[in-house]
C-alpha atoms as a PDB file:
ATOM      1  CA  MET A   1      -0.003   0.002   0.002  1.00  0.00           C
ATOM      2  CA  ASP A   2       1.522   3.317  -1.032  1.00  0.00           C
ATOM      3  CA  ASN A   3       1.340   6.596   0.840  1.00  0.00           C
ATOM      4  CA  SER A   4      -1.337   8.047  -1.460  1.00  0.00           C
ATOM      5  CA  MET A   5      -3.798   5.432  -0.128  1.00  0.00           C
ATOM      6  CA  LEU A   6      -3.028   5.964   3.567  1.00  0.00           C
ATOM      7  CA  SER A   7      -4.561   9.429   3.960  1.00  0.00           C
ATOM      8  CA  PRO A   8      -7.979   8.569   2.448  1.00  0.00           C
ATOM      9  CA  LEU A   9      -8.020   5.290   4.383  1.00  0.00           C
ATOM     10  CA  ALA A  10      -7.229   7.080   7.645  1.00  0.00           C
ATOM     11  CA  THR A  11      -9.947   9.655   6.950  1.00  0.00           C
ATOM     12  CA  ILE A  12     -12.554   6.948   6.298  1.00  0.00           C
ATOM     13  CA  VAL A  13     -11.565   4.980   9.419  1.00  0.00           C
ATOM     14  CA  THR A  14     -11.659   8.145  11.548  1.00  0.00           C
ATOM     15  CA  LEU A  15     -15.047   9.101  10.159  1.00  0.00           C
ATOM     16  CA  ILE A  16     -16.479   5.651  10.897  1.00  0.00           C
ATOM     17  CA  VAL A  17     -15.063   5.676  14.458  1.00  0.00           C
ATOM     18  CA  ALA A  18     -16.465   9.185  15.023  1.00  0.00           C
ATOM     19  CA  ILE A  19     -19.925   8.125  13.826  1.00  0.00           C
ATOM     20  CA  ILE A  20     -19.874   5.059  16.076  1.00  0.00           C
ATOM     21  CA  MET A  21     -18.700   7.227  18.983  1.00  0.00           C
ATOM     22  CA  LEU A  22     -21.530   9.715  18.315  1.00  0.00           C
ATOM     23  CA  ILE A  23     -24.152   6.963  18.260  1.00  0.00           C
ATOM     24  CA  MET A  24     -22.830   5.404  21.475  1.00  0.00           C
ATOM     25  CA  ALA A  25     -22.723   8.813  23.195  1.00  0.00           C
ATOM     26  CA  LEU A  26     -26.274   9.654  22.163  1.00  0.00           C
ATOM     27  CA  VAL A  27     -27.594   6.275  23.308  1.00  0.00           C
ATOM     28  CA  GLY A  28     -25.786   6.602  26.650  1.00  0.00           C
ATOM     29  CA  HIS A  29     -26.909  10.235  27.148  1.00  0.00           C
ATOM     30  CA  HIS A  30     -23.325  11.571  27.396  1.00  0.00           C
ATOM     31  CA  SER A  31     -23.755  15.042  25.980  1.00  0.00           C
ATOM     32  CA  VAL A  32     -20.111  16.149  26.220  1.00  0.00           C
ATOM     33  CA  LEU A  33     -18.871  13.047  24.377  1.00  0.00           C
ATOM     34  CA  ALA A  34     -21.643  13.476  21.806  1.00  0.00           C
ATOM     35  CA  PHE A  35     -20.596  17.092  21.265  1.00  0.00           C
ATOM     36  CA  PHE A  36     -16.948  16.174  20.654  1.00  0.00           C
ATOM     37  CA  ALA A  37     -17.963  13.254  18.423  1.00  0.00           C
ATOM     38  CA  LEU A  38     -20.174  15.587  16.384  1.00  0.00           C
ATOM     39  CA  ILE A  39     -17.287  18.052  16.017  1.00  0.00           C
ATOM     40  CA  LEU A  40     -15.015  15.213  14.871  1.00  0.00           C
ATOM     41  CA  VAL A  41     -17.581  14.013  12.345  1.00  0.00           C
ATOM     42  CA  LEU A  42     -17.996  17.533  10.965  1.00  0.00           C
ATOM     43  CA  LEU A  43     -14.232  18.077  10.718  1.00  0.00           C
ATOM     44  CA  GLN A  44     -13.767  14.760   8.891  1.00  0.00           C
ATOM     45  CA  LEU A  45     -16.624  15.521   6.480  1.00  0.00           C
ATOM     46  CA  PHE A  46     -15.093  18.942   5.800  1.00  0.00           C
ATOM     47  CA  LYS A  47     -11.714  17.276   5.137  1.00  0.00           C
ATOM     48  CA  VAL A  48     -13.330  14.811   2.703  1.00  0.00           C
ATOM     49  CA  TYR A  49     -15.128  17.705   0.948  1.00  0.00           C
ATOM     50  CA  VAL A  50     -11.924  19.762   0.609  1.00  0.00           C
ATOM     51  CA  ASN A  51      -9.934  16.794  -0.722  1.00  0.00           C
ATOM     52  CA  TYR A  52     -12.717  15.888  -3.175  1.00  0.00           C
ATOM     53  CA  LYS A  53     -12.941  19.512  -4.342  1.00  0.00           C
ATOM     54  CA  LYS A  54      -9.153  19.737  -4.723  1.00  0.00           C
ATOM     55  CA  ASN A  55      -8.970  16.506  -6.729  1.00  0.00           C
ATOM     56  CA  PHE A  56     -11.859  17.570  -8.935  1.00  0.00           C
ATOM     57  CA  THR A  57     -10.147  20.880  -9.689  1.00  0.00           C
ATOM     58  CA  HIS A  58      -6.872  19.136 -10.559  1.00  0.00           C
ATOM     59  CA  GLU A  59      -8.673  16.745 -12.909  1.00  0.00           C
ATOM     60  CA  ASP A  60     -10.287  19.712 -14.663  1.00  0.00           C
ATOM     61  CA  ASP A  61      -6.862  21.393 -14.991  1.00  0.00           C
ATOM     62  CA  ARG A  62      -5.386  18.235 -16.506  1.00  0.00           C
ATOM     63  CA  ASP A  63      -8.186  18.085 -19.063  1.00  0.00           C
ATOM     64  CA  HIS A  64      -7.394  21.623 -20.230  1.00  0.00           C
ATOM     65  CA  ILE A  65      -3.639  20.940 -20.499  1.00  0.00           C
ATOM     66  CA  GLU A  66      -4.038  18.002 -22.899  1.00  0.00           C
END
């Protein structure tokens, strides 16, 4: 596995763990843990959005170069 695969894999794993943590916190009525889990989920979703947007822009640039 090369380094280009590690970052997306880590992001996906972190997002899954954050969602599980959020569900467990909400079921157990732990509001502080639920708050931090929600923040983690939002940060990971923002990171995925930024990476997706960046990759989409680079693909468009490559299409114009050819």
